[in-house]
Amino acid sequence: MKSTPPHRHRLHGAPDRPRPRLTSEDVFHLAEQGNERAVAIFRSVGEALGVALANLINIFNFPLYLLSGGPCRPGISSLPR
């Protein structure tokens, strides 16, 4: 029998139960499904990363910046706003 995938769990649970461990991919899947808390997490983290990247750009002034990894994949901009 298959167990429930982690992204099927809710982001919040009853205080008397241990919370499931969530990865950024789990939160992404929840955000794709319209989970408001997951979308808020992505907005908050995205804003913080944007500020950090802007600071690095202003400090180092390199001619090119490459972003890669899971959060940079296509489709991330299609999350609910």
Protein backbone atom coordinates (compact mmCIF):
# COMPACT_ATOMS: atom_id res chain seq x y z
CA MET A 1 0.00 0.00 0.00
CA LYS A 2 1.17 3.52 -0.78
CA SER A 3 1.35 6.11 1.94
CA THR A 4 -0.05 9.59 1.47
CA PRO A 5 2.46 11.86 -0.30
CA PRO A 6 3.85 14.56 2.01
CA HIS A 7 2.31 17.40 -0.02
CA ARG A 8 -1.15 16.03 0.76
CA HIS A 9 -0.72 16.96 4.43
CA ARG A 10 -1.95 20.30 5.67
CA LEU A 11 0.53 22.99 6.64
CA HIS A 12 -1.02 23.22 10.06
CA GLY A 13 -2.19 20.50 12.40
CA ALA A 14 -3.64 20.06 15.82
CA PRO A 15 -1.18 21.17 18.52
CA ASP A 16 -1.31 17.76 20.21
CA ARG A 17 -0.12 15.92 17.08
CA PRO A 18 3.40 16.03 15.63
CA ARG A 19 3.54 17.96 12.36
CA PRO A 20 4.75 16.21 9.22
CA ARG A 21 8.11 17.33 7.84
CA LEU A 22 7.62 19.46 4.76
CA THR A 23 10.14 20.21 2.05
CA SER A 24 10.12 23.25 -0.21
CA GLU A 25 8.79 20.95 -2.94
CA ASP A 26 5.87 19.94 -0.71
CA VAL A 27 5.07 23.59 -0.05
CA PHE A 28 5.31 24.31 -3.79
CA HIS A 29 2.78 21.56 -4.56
CA LEU A 30 0.46 22.91 -1.88
CA ALA A 31 0.80 26.42 -3.32
CA GLU A 32 -0.02 25.08 -6.80
CA GLN A 33 -3.21 23.66 -5.33
CA GLY A 34 -4.10 27.09 -3.93
CA ASN A 35 -3.21 26.55 -0.26
CA GLU A 36 -3.16 30.11 1.14
CA ARG A 37 -0.47 29.45 3.75
CA ALA A 38 1.82 27.85 1.18
CA VAL A 39 1.32 30.78 -1.21
CA ALA A 40 2.09 33.20 1.66
CA ILE A 41 5.28 31.27 2.43
CA PHE A 42 6.40 31.52 -1.21
CA ARG A 43 5.62 35.24 -1.29
CA SER A 44 7.56 35.87 1.91
CA VAL A 45 10.58 33.79 0.90
CA GLY A 46 10.50 35.21 -2.63
CA GLU A 47 10.52 38.75 -1.31
CA ALA A 48 13.42 38.00 1.06
CA LEU A 49 15.42 36.35 -1.74
CA GLY A 50 14.68 39.29 -4.04
CA VAL A 51 15.97 41.77 -1.47
CA ALA A 52 19.08 39.65 -0.85
CA LEU A 53 19.76 39.30 -4.57
CA ALA A 54 19.28 43.04 -5.13
CA ASN A 55 21.77 43.75 -2.34
CA LEU A 56 24.34 41.38 -3.88
CA ILE A 57 23.86 42.99 -7.28
CA ASN A 58 24.41 46.44 -5.81
CA ILE A 59 27.47 45.31 -3.83
CA PHE A 60 29.32 43.33 -6.51
CA ASN A 61 27.98 44.84 -9.76
CA PHE A 62 28.78 41.75 -11.85
CA PRO A 63 27.71 41.91 -15.51
CA LEU A 64 25.81 38.58 -15.29
CA TYR A 65 23.91 36.68 -12.60
CA LEU A 66 22.78 33.08 -13.10
CA LEU A 67 19.99 31.59 -11.01
CA SER A 68 19.43 27.84 -11.01
CA GLY A 69 17.87 25.08 -8.98
CA GLY A 70 14.36 23.96 -8.11
CA PRO A 71 12.85 27.37 -7.34
CA CYS A 72 13.93 28.66 -10.75
CA ARG A 73 12.06 26.10 -12.79
CA PRO A 74 9.29 27.15 -15.18
CA GLY A 75 5.84 27.40 -13.67
CA ILE A 76 6.74 29.05 -10.41
CA SER A 77 5.32 32.33 -11.66
CA SER A 78 1.97 30.61 -12.21
CA LEU A 79 1.26 30.24 -8.49
CA PRO A 80 -1.96 31.87 -7.29
CA ARG A 81 -1.51 35.51 -6.35
